[in-house]
Amino acid sequence: MRKIMLAVVVVGSSLISARAAPVNPQYDDYPVQCGAIYFLYWKGYLSENQPTMAEAYRRKHESLAGKAALNLEARGLSKHEADAYMQEHIDGLADIAAKDTKAFVDFKRLCDGKFPQL
């Protein structure tokens, strides 16, 4: 069941990506996806009253959100559309976190590996 859910999420994310960003073989959507996951960790640590960890994830989110916005705006999306695209990813990942914590944590590990400098 988890594999099916993860497949649905991957396909859904791909479809959202295809709608929002023009096809470009060099386009990288990971700043959006990982920025979204770091946003959720930031807010989670805030709600747990762990300001040091919250601040670390806030910085990670803001760094990737800035890169993502520039990438999307360079491809013709307005700032408003780029922000909405990020919010769609945040909402989707929040749903995944609620339903499949392991997939959520695994994706965060993937992001940590893609962006170790953050």
PDB file of N, CA and C in Angstrom:
ATOM      1  N   MET A   1       0.822  -1.186   0.000  1.00  0.00           N
ATOM      2  CA  MET A   1       0.000   0.000   0.000  1.00  0.00           C
ATOM      3  C   MET A   1       0.869   1.253   0.000  1.00  0.00           C
ATOM      4  N   ARG A   2       1.930   1.251   0.795  1.00  0.00           N
ATOM      5  CA  ARG A   2       2.811   2.416   0.842  1.00  0.00           C
ATOM      6  C   ARG A   2       3.485   2.649  -0.509  1.00  0.00           C
ATOM      7  N   LYS A   3       3.859   1.557  -1.168  1.00  0.00           N
ATOM      8  CA  LYS A   3       4.497   1.695  -2.473  1.00  0.00           C
ATOM      9  C   LYS A   3       3.532   2.317  -3.477  1.00  0.00           C
ATOM     10  N   ILE A   4       2.275   1.928  -3.398  1.00  0.00           N
ATOM     11  CA  ILE A   4       1.268   2.504  -4.289  1.00  0.00           C
ATOM     12  C   ILE A   4       1.102   3.980  -3.994  1.00  0.00           C
ATOM     13  N   MET A   5       1.026   4.333  -2.727  1.00  0.00           N
ATOM     14  CA  MET A   5       0.856   5.739  -2.345  1.00  0.00           C
ATOM     15  C   MET A   5       2.059   6.562  -2.798  1.00  0.00           C
ATOM     16  N   LEU A   6       3.253   6.029  -2.610  1.00  0.00           N
ATOM     17  CA  LEU A   6       4.447   6.749  -3.032  1.00  0.00           C
ATOM     18  C   LEU A   6       4.454   6.918  -4.548  1.00  0.00           C
ATOM     19  N   ALA A   7       4.029   5.887  -5.278  1.00  0.00           N
ATOM     20  CA  ALA A   7       3.963   5.987  -6.737  1.00  0.00           C
ATOM     21  C   ALA A   7       2.968   7.058  -7.159  1.00  0.00           C
ATOM     22  N   VAL A   8       1.830   7.125  -6.481  1.00  0.00           N
ATOM     23  CA  VAL A   8       0.826   8.147  -6.782  1.00  0.00           C
ATOM     24  C   VAL A   8       1.400   9.533  -6.532  1.00  0.00           C
ATOM     25  N   VAL A   9       2.119   9.689  -5.445  1.00  0.00           N
ATOM     26  CA  VAL A   9       2.717  10.982  -5.118  1.00  0.00           C
ATOM     27  C   VAL A   9       3.752  11.378  -6.157  1.00  0.00           C
ATOM     28  N   VAL A  10       4.601  10.442  -6.553  1.00  0.00           N
ATOM     29  CA  VAL A  10       5.632  10.743  -7.541  1.00  0.00           C
ATOM     30  C   VAL A  10       5.003  11.125  -8.865  1.00  0.00           C
ATOM     31  N   VAL A  11       4.001  10.367  -9.299  1.00  0.00           N
ATOM     32  CA  VAL A  11       3.318  10.683 -10.553  1.00  0.00           C
ATOM     33  C   VAL A  11       2.593  12.019 -10.434  1.00  0.00           C
ATOM     34  N   GLY A  12       1.908  12.235  -9.318  1.00  0.00           N
ATOM     35  CA  GLY A  12       1.216  13.500  -9.108  1.00  0.00           C
ATOM     36  C   GLY A  12       2.164  14.679  -9.106  1.00  0.00           C
ATOM     37  N   SER A  13       3.298  14.521  -8.446  1.00  0.00           N
ATOM     38  CA  SER A  13       4.296  15.593  -8.430  1.00  0.00           C
ATOM     39  C   SER A  13       4.820  15.863  -9.825  1.00  0.00           C
ATOM     40  N   SER A  14       5.009  14.805 -10.594  1.00  0.00           N
ATOM     41  CA  SER A  14       5.487  14.977 -11.961  1.00  0.00           C
ATOM     42  C   SER A  14       4.472  15.732 -12.799  1.00  0.00           C
ATOM     43  N   LEU A  15       3.200  15.409 -12.607  1.00  0.00           N
ATOM     44  CA  LEU A  15       2.160  16.098 -13.367  1.00  0.00           C
ATOM     45  C   LEU A  15       2.066  17.564 -12.976  1.00  0.00           C
ATOM     46  N   ILE A  16       2.181  17.849 -11.689  1.00  0.00           N
ATOM     47  CA  ILE A  16       2.163  19.240 -11.229  1.00  0.00           C
ATOM     48  C   ILE A  16       3.366  19.970 -11.811  1.00  0.00           C
ATOM     49  N   SER A  17       4.517  19.322 -11.787  1.00  0.00           N
ATOM     50  CA  SER A  17       5.725  19.935 -12.339  1.00  0.00           C
ATOM     51  C   SER A  17       5.563  20.227 -13.818  1.00  0.00           C
ATOM     52  N   ALA A  18       4.973  19.299 -14.532  1.00  0.00           N
ATOM     53  CA  ALA A  18       4.803  19.476 -15.973  1.00  0.00           C
ATOM     54  C   ALA A  18       3.873  20.651 -16.263  1.00  0.00           C
ATOM     55  N   ARG A  19       2.873  20.854 -15.435  1.00  0.00           N
ATOM     56  CA  ARG A  19       1.931  21.941 -15.642  1.00  0.00           C
ATOM     57  C   ARG A  19       2.569  23.287 -15.343  1.00  0.00           C
ATOM     58  N   ALA A  20       3.357  23.355 -14.301  1.00  0.00           N
ATOM     59  CA  ALA A  20       3.871  24.638 -13.845  1.00  0.00           C
ATOM     60  C   ALA A  20       5.141  25.077 -14.555  1.00  0.00           C
ATOM     61  N   ALA A  21       5.970  24.155 -14.919  1.00  0.00           N
ATOM     62  CA  ALA A  21       7.263  24.518 -15.502  1.00  0.00           C
ATOM     63  C   ALA A  21       7.368  23.947 -16.910  1.00  0.00           C
ATOM     64  N   PRO A  22       7.723  24.768 -17.860  1.00  0.00           N
ATOM     65  CA  PRO A  22       7.889  24.258 -19.221  1.00  0.00           C
ATOM     66  C   PRO A  22       8.919  23.132 -19.259  1.00  0.00           C
ATOM     67  N   VAL A  23       8.738  22.233 -20.226  1.00  0.00           N
ATOM     68  CA  VAL A  23       9.651  21.105 -20.352  1.00  0.00           C
ATOM     69  C   VAL A  23      11.057  21.631 -20.661  1.00  0.00           C
ATOM     70  N   ASN A  24      11.979  21.192 -19.853  1.00  0.00           N
ATOM     71  CA  ASN A  24      13.369  21.593 -20.020  1.00  0.00           C
ATOM     72  C   ASN A  24      14.202  20.476 -19.410  1.00  0.00           C
ATOM     73  N   PRO A  25      15.000  19.792 -20.217  1.00  0.00           N
ATOM     74  CA  PRO A  25      15.748  18.656 -19.668  1.00  0.00           C
ATOM     75  C   PRO A  25      16.728  19.045 -18.567  1.00  0.00           C
ATOM     76  N   GLN A  26      17.065  20.323 -18.452  1.00  0.00           N
ATOM     77  CA  GLN A  26      17.991  20.752 -17.413  1.00  0.00           C
ATOM     78  C   GLN A  26      17.274  21.334 -16.196  1.00  0.00           C
ATOM     79  N   TYR A  27      15.949  21.395 -16.241  1.00  0.00           N
ATOM     80  CA  TYR A  27      15.191  21.956 -15.123  1.00  0.00           C
ATOM     81  C   TYR A  27      15.262  21.008 -13.933  1.00  0.00           C
ATOM     82  N   ASP A  28      15.461  21.552 -12.766  1.00  0.00           N
ATOM     83  CA  ASP A  28      15.574  20.775 -11.533  1.00  0.00           C
ATOM     84  C   ASP A  28      14.507  21.260 -10.562  1.00  0.00           C
ATOM     85  N   ASP A  29      13.551  20.395 -10.243  1.00  0.00           N
ATOM     86  CA  ASP A  29      12.457  20.766  -9.354  1.00  0.00           C
ATOM     87  C   ASP A  29      12.781  20.477  -7.885  1.00  0.00           C
ATOM     88  N   TYR A  30      13.937  19.916  -7.604  1.00  0.00           N
ATOM     89  CA  TYR A  30      14.273  19.592  -6.220  1.00  0.00           C
ATOM     90  C   TYR A  30      14.310  20.813  -5.299  1.00  0.00           C
ATOM     91  N   PRO A  31      14.722  22.004  -5.759  1.00  0.00           N
ATOM     92  CA  PRO A  31      14.647  23.145  -4.840  1.00  0.00           C
ATOM     93  C   PRO A  31      13.214  23.407  -4.341  1.00  0.00           C
ATOM     94  N   VAL A  32      12.232  23.184  -5.203  1.00  0.00           N
ATOM     95  CA  VAL A  32      10.838  23.356  -4.783  1.00  0.00           C
ATOM     96  C   VAL A  32      10.462  22.255  -3.800  1.00  0.00           C
ATOM     97  N   GLN A  33      10.699  21.020  -4.190  1.00  0.00           N
ATOM     98  CA  GLN A  33      10.288  19.890  -3.362  1.00  0.00           C
ATOM     99  C   GLN A  33      10.990  19.887  -2.005  1.00  0.00           C
ATOM    100  N   CYS A  34      12.294  20.104  -2.018  1.00  0.00           N
ATOM    101  CA  CYS A  34      13.042  20.082  -0.760  1.00  0.00           C
ATOM    102  C   CYS A  34      12.776  21.346   0.054  1.00  0.00           C
ATOM    103  N   GLY A  35      12.586  22.471  -0.620  1.00  0.00           N
ATOM    104  CA  GLY A  35      12.196  23.685   0.093  1.00  0.00           C
ATOM    105  C   GLY A  35      10.882  23.477   0.837  1.00  0.00           C
ATOM    106  N   ALA A  36       9.972  22.761   0.191  1.00  0.00           N
ATOM    107  CA  ALA A  36       8.674  22.483   0.822  1.00  0.00           C
ATOM    108  C   ALA A  36       8.825  21.585   2.040  1.00  0.00           C
ATOM    109  N   ILE A  37       9.652  20.568   1.933  1.00  0.00           N
ATOM    110  CA  ILE A  37       9.810  19.662   3.074  1.00  0.00           C
ATOM    111  C   ILE A  37      10.508  20.371   4.232  1.00  0.00           C
ATOM    112  N   TYR A  38      11.491  21.223   3.911  1.00  0.00           N
ATOM    113  CA  TYR A  38      12.161  21.963   4.973  1.00  0.00           C
ATOM    114  C   TYR A  38      11.220  22.969   5.630  1.00  0.00           C
ATOM    115  N   PHE A  39      10.276  23.515   4.868  1.00  0.00           N
ATOM    116  CA  PHE A  39       9.265  24.396   5.451  1.00  0.00           C
ATOM    117  C   PHE A  39       8.471  23.637   6.514  1.00  0.00           C
ATOM    118  N   LEU A  40       8.065  22.420   6.204  1.00  0.00           N
ATOM    119  CA  LEU A  40       7.281  21.627   7.155  1.00  0.00           C
ATOM    120  C   LEU A  40       8.089  21.267   8.399  1.00  0.00           C
ATOM    121  N   TYR A  41       9.370  20.968   8.229  1.00  0.00           N
ATOM    122  CA  TYR A  41      10.218  20.708   9.394  1.00  0.00           C
ATOM    123  C   TYR A  41      10.384  21.980  10.229  1.00  0.00           C
ATOM    124  N   TRP A  42      10.553  23.105   9.566  1.00  0.00           N
ATOM    125  CA  TRP A  42      10.665  24.396  10.263  1.00  0.00           C
ATOM    126  C   TRP A  42       9.438  24.618  11.144  1.00  0.00           C
ATOM    127  N   LYS A  43       8.261  24.492  10.557  1.00  0.00           N
ATOM    128  CA  LYS A  43       7.026  24.734  11.314  1.00  0.00           C
ATOM    129  C   LYS A  43       6.832  23.682  12.409  1.00  0.00           C
ATOM    130  N   GLY A  44       7.233  22.455  12.115  1.00  0.00           N
ATOM    131  CA  GLY A  44       7.125  21.395  13.128  1.00  0.00           C
ATOM    132  C   GLY A  44       7.991  21.671  14.347  1.00  0.00           C
ATOM    133  N   TYR A  45       9.222  22.096  14.095  1.00  0.00           N
ATOM    134  CA  TYR A  45      10.101  22.414  15.218  1.00  0.00           C
ATOM    135  C   TYR A  45       9.620  23.657  15.970  1.00  0.00           C
ATOM    136  N   LEU A  46       9.032  24.606  15.265  1.00  0.00           N
ATOM    137  CA  LEU A  46       8.443  25.767  15.957  1.00  0.00           C
ATOM    138  C   LEU A  46       7.331  25.321  16.895  1.00  0.00           C
ATOM    139  N   SER A  47       6.474  24.430  16.401  1.00  0.00           N
ATOM    140  CA  SER A  47       5.351  23.979  17.230  1.00  0.00           C
ATOM    141  C   SER A  47       5.817  23.143  18.412  1.00  0.00           C
ATOM    142  N   GLU A  48       6.994  22.541  18.301  1.00  0.00           N
ATOM    143  CA  GLU A  48       7.566  21.764  19.400  1.00  0.00           C
ATOM    144  C   GLU A  48       8.452  22.613  20.308  1.00  0.00           C
ATOM    145  N   ASN A  49       8.470  23.921  20.061  1.00  0.00           N
ATOM    146  CA  ASN A  49       9.245  24.870  20.849  1.00  0.00           C
ATOM    147  C   ASN A  49      10.736  24.519  20.860  1.00  0.00           C
ATOM    148  N   GLN A  50      11.259  24.249  19.657  1.00  0.00           N
ATOM    149  CA  GLN A  50      12.683  23.976  19.494  1.00  0.00           C
ATOM    150  C   GLN A  50      13.247  25.021  18.523  1.00  0.00           C
ATOM    151  N   PRO A  51      13.482  26.243  19.026  1.00  0.00           N
ATOM    152  CA  PRO A  51      13.845  27.352  18.140  1.00  0.00           C
ATOM    153  C   PRO A  51      15.157  27.166  17.381  1.00  0.00           C
ATOM    154  N   THR A  52      16.117  26.478  17.939  1.00  0.00           N
ATOM    155  CA  THR A  52      17.390  26.285  17.251  1.00  0.00           C
ATOM    156  C   THR A  52      17.206  25.427  16.003  1.00  0.00           C
ATOM    157  N   MET A  53      16.504  24.322  16.147  1.00  0.00           N
ATOM    158  CA  MET A  53      16.235  23.459  14.994  1.00  0.00           C
ATOM    159  C   MET A  53      15.309  24.169  14.007  1.00  0.00           C
ATOM    160  N   ALA A  54      14.324  24.889  14.525  1.00  0.00           N
ATOM    161  CA  ALA A  54      13.408  25.623  13.651  1.00  0.00           C
ATOM    162  C   ALA A  54      14.180  26.620  12.790  1.00  0.00           C
ATOM    163  N   GLU A  55      15.110  27.317  13.395  1.00  0.00           N
ATOM    164  CA  GLU A  55      15.900  28.306  12.659  1.00  0.00           C
ATOM    165  C   GLU A  55      16.743  27.646  11.573  1.00  0.00           C
ATOM    166  N   ALA A  56      17.311  26.486  11.856  1.00  0.00           N
ATOM    167  CA  ALA A  56      18.116  25.772  10.856  1.00  0.00           C
ATOM    168  C   ALA A  56      17.258  25.410   9.649  1.00  0.00           C
ATOM    169  N   TYR A  57      16.052  24.925   9.890  1.00  0.00           N
ATOM    170  CA  TYR A  57      15.181  24.544   8.776  1.00  0.00           C
ATOM    171  C   TYR A  57      14.575  25.763   8.091  1.00  0.00           C
ATOM    172  N   ARG A  58      14.393  26.847   8.808  1.00  0.00           N
ATOM    173  CA  ARG A  58      13.923  28.085   8.172  1.00  0.00           C
ATOM    174  C   ARG A  58      14.955  28.553   7.146  1.00  0.00           C
ATOM    175  N   ARG A  59      16.222  28.526   7.536  1.00  0.00           N
ATOM    176  CA  ARG A  59      17.288  28.943   6.616  1.00  0.00           C
ATOM    177  C   ARG A  59      17.352  28.026   5.394  1.00  0.00           C
ATOM    178  N   LYS A  60      17.234  26.730   5.618  1.00  0.00           N
ATOM    179  CA  LYS A  60      17.243  25.782   4.501  1.00  0.00           C
ATOM    180  C   LYS A  60      16.074  26.063   3.559  1.00  0.00           C
ATOM    181  N   HIS A  61      14.897  26.232   4.142  1.00  0.00           N
ATOM    182  CA  HIS A  61      13.708  26.511   3.321  1.00  0.00           C
ATOM    183  C   HIS A  61      13.886  27.794   2.517  1.00  0.00           C
ATOM    184  N   GLU A  62      14.290  28.849   3.176  1.00  0.00           N
ATOM    185  CA  GLU A  62      14.392  30.135   2.487  1.00  0.00           C
ATOM    186  C   GLU A  62      15.453  30.105   1.387  1.00  0.00           C
ATOM    187  N   SER A  63      16.538  29.402   1.618  1.00  0.00           N
ATOM    188  CA  SER A  63      17.571  29.282   0.592  1.00  0.00           C
ATOM    189  C   SER A  63      17.017  28.575  -0.648  1.00  0.00           C
ATOM    190  N   LEU A  64      16.361  27.445  -0.434  1.00  0.00           N
ATOM    191  CA  LEU A  64      15.830  26.690  -1.571  1.00  0.00           C
ATOM    192  C   LEU A  64      14.613  27.369  -2.192  1.00  0.00           C
ATOM    193  N   ALA A  65      13.786  28.004  -1.388  1.00  0.00           N
ATOM    194  CA  ALA A  65      12.615  28.707  -1.933  1.00  0.00           C
ATOM    195  C   ALA A  65      13.068  29.844  -2.841  1.00  0.00           C
ATOM    196  N   GLY A  66      14.132  30.525  -2.467  1.00  0.00           N
ATOM    197  CA  GLY A  66      14.664  31.595  -3.314  1.00  0.00           C
ATOM    198  C   GLY A  66      15.168  31.052  -4.646  1.00  0.00           C
ATOM    199  N   LYS A  67      15.900  29.945  -4.605  1.00  0.00           N
ATOM    200  CA  LYS A  67      16.390  29.322  -5.838  1.00  0.00           C
ATOM    201  C   LYS A  67      15.224  28.837  -6.694  1.00  0.00           C
ATOM    202  N   ALA A  68      14.247  28.239  -6.045  1.00  0.00           N
ATOM    203  CA  ALA A  68      13.094  27.713  -6.775  1.00  0.00           C
ATOM    204  C   ALA A  68      12.331  28.845  -7.463  1.00  0.00           C
ATOM    205  N   ALA A  69      12.117  29.934  -6.758  1.00  0.00           N
ATOM    206  CA  ALA A  69      11.389  31.065  -7.341  1.00  0.00           C
ATOM    207  C   ALA A  69      12.126  31.619  -8.553  1.00  0.00           C
ATOM    208  N   LEU A  70      13.439  31.763  -8.438  1.00  0.00           N
ATOM    209  CA  LEU A  70      14.224  32.259  -9.579  1.00  0.00           C
ATOM    210  C   LEU A  70      14.128  31.303 -10.767  1.00  0.00           C
ATOM    211  N   ASN A  71      14.225  30.000 -10.509  1.00  0.00           N
ATOM    212  CA  ASN A  71      14.105  29.008 -11.578  1.00  0.00           C
ATOM    213  C   ASN A  71      12.749  29.106 -12.266  1.00  0.00           C
ATOM    214  N   LEU A  72      11.699  29.194 -11.475  1.00  0.00           N
ATOM    215  CA  LEU A  72      10.352  29.221 -12.036  1.00  0.00           C
ATOM    216  C   LEU A  72      10.065  30.533 -12.758  1.00  0.00           C
ATOM    217  N   GLU A  73      10.522  31.627 -12.189  1.00  0.00           N
ATOM    218  CA  GLU A  73      10.320  32.919 -12.839  1.00  0.00           C
ATOM    219  C   GLU A  73      11.100  32.989 -14.153  1.00  0.00           C
ATOM    220  N   ALA A  74      12.280  32.374 -14.208  1.00  0.00           N
ATOM    221  CA  ALA A  74      13.068  32.343 -15.443  1.00  0.00           C
ATOM    222  C   ALA A  74      12.359  31.532 -16.521  1.00  0.00           C
ATOM    223  N   ARG A  75      11.454  30.684 -16.129  1.00  0.00           N
ATOM    224  CA  ARG A  75      10.703  29.863 -17.067  1.00  0.00           C
ATOM    225  C   ARG A  75       9.325  30.442 -17.376  1.00  0.00           C
ATOM    226  N   GLY A  76       9.114  31.685 -16.955  1.00  0.00           N
ATOM    227  CA  GLY A  76       7.897  32.380 -17.357  1.00  0.00           C
ATOM    228  C   GLY A  76       6.792  32.464 -16.329  1.00  0.00           C
ATOM    229  N   LEU A  77       6.976  31.907 -15.154  1.00  0.00           N
ATOM    230  CA  LEU A  77       5.945  32.021 -14.137  1.00  0.00           C
ATOM    231  C   LEU A  77       6.105  33.345 -13.391  1.00  0.00           C
ATOM    232  N   SER A  78       5.004  33.914 -12.980  1.00  0.00           N
ATOM    233  CA  SER A  78       5.067  35.127 -12.167  1.00  0.00           C
ATOM    234  C   SER A  78       5.483  34.749 -10.751  1.00  0.00           C
ATOM    235  N   LYS A  79       5.841  35.724  -9.948  1.00  0.00           N
ATOM    236  CA  LYS A  79       6.191  35.453  -8.553  1.00  0.00           C
ATOM    237  C   LYS A  79       5.006  34.807  -7.846  1.00  0.00           C
ATOM    238  N   HIS A  80       3.810  35.306  -8.130  1.00  0.00           N
ATOM    239  CA  HIS A  80       2.602  34.750  -7.517  1.00  0.00           C
ATOM    240  C   HIS A  80       2.427  33.273  -7.910  1.00  0.00           C
ATOM    241  N   GLU A  81       2.637  32.941  -9.182  1.00  0.00           N
ATOM    242  CA  GLU A  81       2.508  31.554  -9.633  1.00  0.00           C
ATOM    243  C   GLU A  81       3.595  30.677  -9.007  1.00  0.00           C
ATOM    244  N   ALA A  82       4.804  31.202  -8.902  1.00  0.00           N
ATOM    245  CA  ALA A  82       5.901  30.447  -8.287  1.00  0.00           C
ATOM    246  C   ALA A  82       5.598  30.173  -6.809  1.00  0.00           C
ATOM    247  N   ASP A  83       5.073  31.178  -6.114  1.00  0.00           N
ATOM    248  CA  ASP A  83       4.706  30.985  -4.699  1.00  0.00           C
ATOM    249  C   ASP A  83       3.587  29.959  -4.565  1.00  0.00           C
ATOM    250  N   ALA A  84       2.610  30.017  -5.460  1.00  0.00           N
ATOM    251  CA  ALA A  84       1.494  29.062  -5.428  1.00  0.00           C
ATOM    252  C   ALA A  84       1.996  27.646  -5.701  1.00  0.00           C
ATOM    253  N   TYR A  85       2.950  27.524  -6.610  1.00  0.00           N
ATOM    254  CA  TYR A  85       3.541  26.227  -6.933  1.00  0.00           C
ATOM    255  C   TYR A  85       4.250  25.643  -5.705  1.00  0.00           C
ATOM    256  N   MET A  86       4.994  26.474  -4.998  1.00  0.00           N
ATOM    257  CA  MET A  86       5.648  26.033  -3.757  1.00  0.00           C
ATOM    258  C   MET A  86       4.588  25.602  -2.747  1.00  0.00           C
ATOM    259  N   GLN A  87       3.518  26.387  -2.606  1.00  0.00           N
ATOM    260  CA  GLN A  87       2.472  26.056  -1.636  1.00  0.00           C
ATOM    261  C   GLN A  87       1.805  24.723  -1.970  1.00  0.00           C
ATOM    262  N   GLU A  88       1.620  24.437  -3.262  1.00  0.00           N
ATOM    263  CA  GLU A  88       1.052  23.140  -3.659  1.00  0.00           C
ATOM    264  C   GLU A  88       1.944  21.999  -3.167  1.00  0.00           C
ATOM    265  N   HIS A  89       3.247  22.183  -3.265  1.00  0.00           N
ATOM    266  CA  HIS A  89       4.167  21.150  -2.793  1.00  0.00           C
ATOM    267  C   HIS A  89       4.123  21.024  -1.268  1.00  0.00           C
ATOM    268  N   ILE A  90       4.046  22.135  -0.583  1.00  0.00           N
ATOM    269  CA  ILE A  90       3.952  22.100   0.882  1.00  0.00           C
ATOM    270  C   ILE A  90       2.693  21.345   1.301  1.00  0.00           C
ATOM    271  N   ASP A  91       1.579  21.671   0.671  1.00  0.00           N
ATOM    272  CA  ASP A  91       0.314  21.013   1.013  1.00  0.00           C
ATOM    273  C   ASP A  91       0.373  19.516   0.710  1.00  0.00           C
ATOM    274  N   GLY A  92       0.943  19.160  -0.443  1.00  0.00           N
ATOM    275  CA  GLY A  92       1.042  17.749  -0.807  1.00  0.00           C
ATOM    276  C   GLY A  92       1.934  16.966   0.140  1.00  0.00           C
ATOM    277  N   LEU A  93       3.052  17.563   0.507  1.00  0.00           N
ATOM    278  CA  LEU A  93       3.959  16.879   1.439  1.00  0.00           C
ATOM    279  C   LEU A  93       3.365  16.792   2.844  1.00  0.00           C
ATOM    280  N   ALA A  94       2.575  17.767   3.234  1.00  0.00           N
ATOM    281  CA  ALA A  94       1.894  17.688   4.536  1.00  0.00           C
ATOM    282  C   ALA A  94       0.925  16.507   4.540  1.00  0.00           C
ATOM    283  N   ASP A  95       0.236  16.293   3.421  1.00  0.00           N
ATOM    284  CA  ASP A  95      -0.665  15.138   3.315  1.00  0.00           C
ATOM    285  C   ASP A  95       0.114  13.832   3.413  1.00  0.00           C
ATOM    286  N   ILE A  96       1.254  13.778   2.741  1.00  0.00           N
ATOM    287  CA  ILE A  96       2.085  12.572   2.797  1.00  0.00           C
ATOM    288  C   ILE A  96       2.567  12.326   4.222  1.00  0.00           C
ATOM    289  N   ALA A  97       3.001  13.378   4.895  1.00  0.00           N
ATOM    290  CA  ALA A  97       3.492  13.233   6.272  1.00  0.00           C
ATOM    291  C   ALA A  97       2.411  12.661   7.177  1.00  0.00           C
ATOM    292  N   ALA A  98       1.173  13.083   6.948  1.00  0.00           N
ATOM    293  CA  ALA A  98       0.076  12.603   7.779  1.00  0.00           C
ATOM    294  C   ALA A  98      -0.257  11.137   7.501  1.00  0.00           C
ATOM    295  N   LYS A  99      -0.015  10.696   6.280  1.00  0.00           N
ATOM    296  CA  LYS A  99      -0.412   9.344   5.883  1.00  0.00           C
ATOM    297  C   LYS A  99       0.727   8.333   5.909  1.00  0.00           C
ATOM    298  N   ASP A 100       1.938   8.784   5.620  1.00  0.00           N
ATOM    299  CA  ASP A 100       3.067   7.858   5.497  1.00  0.00           C
ATOM    300  C   ASP A 100       4.343   8.530   5.995  1.00  0.00           C
ATOM    301  N   THR A 101       4.540   8.492   7.282  1.00  0.00           N
ATOM    302  CA  THR A 101       5.673   9.166   7.910  1.00  0.00           C
ATOM    303  C   THR A 101       7.002   8.667   7.351  1.00  0.00           C
ATOM    304  N   LYS A 102       7.111   7.375   7.106  1.00  0.00           N
ATOM    305  CA  LYS A 102       8.371   6.826   6.597  1.00  0.00           C
ATOM    306  C   LYS A 102       8.719   7.434   5.239  1.00  0.00           C
ATOM    307  N   ALA A 103       7.768   7.540   4.349  1.00  0.00           N
ATOM    308  CA  ALA A 103       8.033   8.138   3.034  1.00  0.00           C
ATOM    309  C   ALA A 103       8.463   9.592   3.188  1.00  0.00           C
ATOM    310  N   PHE A 104       7.826  10.291   4.106  1.00  0.00           N
ATOM    311  CA  PHE A 104       8.160  11.694   4.368  1.00  0.00           C
ATOM    312  C   PHE A 104       9.597  11.827   4.869  1.00  0.00           C
ATOM    313  N   VAL A 105       9.967  11.003   5.831  1.00  0.00           N
ATOM    314  CA  VAL A 105      11.320  11.030   6.391  1.00  0.00           C
ATOM    315  C   VAL A 105      12.339  10.603   5.339  1.00  0.00           C
ATOM    316  N   ASP A 106      12.000   9.605   4.545  1.00  0.00           N
ATOM    317  CA  ASP A 106      12.904   9.160   3.484  1.00  0.00           C
ATOM    318  C   ASP A 106      13.143  10.274   2.470  1.00  0.00           C
ATOM    319  N   PHE A 107      12.105  11.014   2.136  1.00  0.00           N
ATOM    320  CA  PHE A 107      12.269  12.105   1.182  1.00  0.00           C
ATOM    321  C   PHE A 107      13.137  13.208   1.776  1.00  0.00           C
ATOM    322  N   LYS A 108      12.986  13.460   3.075  1.00  0.00           N
ATOM    323  CA  LYS A 108      13.846  14.455   3.730  1.00  0.00           C
ATOM    324  C   LYS A 108      15.307  14.022   3.653  1.00  0.00           C
ATOM    325  N   ARG A 109      15.566  12.741   3.843  1.00  0.00           N
ATOM    326  CA  ARG A 109      16.938  12.230   3.723  1.00  0.00           C
ATOM    327  C   ARG A 109      17.477  12.447   2.310  1.00  0.00           C
ATOM    328  N   LEU A 110      16.636  12.217   1.316  1.00  0.00           N
ATOM    329  CA  LEU A 110      17.047  12.458  -0.061  1.00  0.00           C
ATOM    330  C   LEU A 110      17.418  13.931  -0.241  1.00  0.00           C
ATOM    331  N   CYS A 111      16.620  14.831   0.313  1.00  0.00           N
ATOM    332  CA  CYS A 111      16.901  16.267   0.220  1.00  0.00           C
ATOM    333  C   CYS A 111      18.201  16.620   0.933  1.00  0.00           C
ATOM    334  N   ASP A 112      18.408  16.031   2.098  1.00  0.00           N
ATOM    335  CA  ASP A 112      19.662  16.290   2.823  1.00  0.00           C
ATOM    336  C   ASP A 112      20.864  15.855   1.993  1.00  0.00           C
ATOM    337  N   GLY A 113      20.714  14.773   1.256  1.00  0.00           N
ATOM    338  CA  GLY A 113      21.792  14.303   0.394  1.00  0.00           C
ATOM    339  C   GLY A 113      21.996  15.198  -0.824  1.00  0.00           C
ATOM    340  N   LYS A 114      20.916  15.749  -1.366  1.00  0.00           N
ATOM    341  CA  LYS A 114      21.019  16.623  -2.525  1.00  0.00           C
ATOM    342  C   LYS A 114      21.561  18.001  -2.162  1.00  0.00           C
ATOM    343  N   PHE A 115      21.294  18.442  -0.949  1.00  0.00           N
ATOM    344  CA  PHE A 115      21.688  19.780  -0.521  1.00  0.00           C
ATOM    345  C   PHE A 115      22.449  19.728   0.806  1.00  0.00           C
ATOM    346  N   PRO A 116      23.589  19.039   0.835  1.00  0.00           N
ATOM    347  CA  PRO A 116      24.325  18.888   2.094  1.00  0.00           C
ATOM    348  C   PRO A 116      24.912  20.203   2.611  1.00  0.00           C
ATOM    349  N   GLN A 117      25.095  21.168   1.729  1.00  0.00           N
ATOM    350  CA  GLN A 117      25.706  22.436   2.122  1.00  0.00           C
ATOM    351  C   GLN A 117      24.760  23.318   2.914  1.00  0.00           C
ATOM    352  N   LEU A 118      23.488  23.003   2.931  1.00  0.00           N
ATOM    353  CA  LEU A 118      22.524  23.857   3.652  1.00  0.00           C
ATOM    354  C   LEU A 118      22.492  23.544   5.127  1.00  0.00           C
TER     355      LEU A 118
END
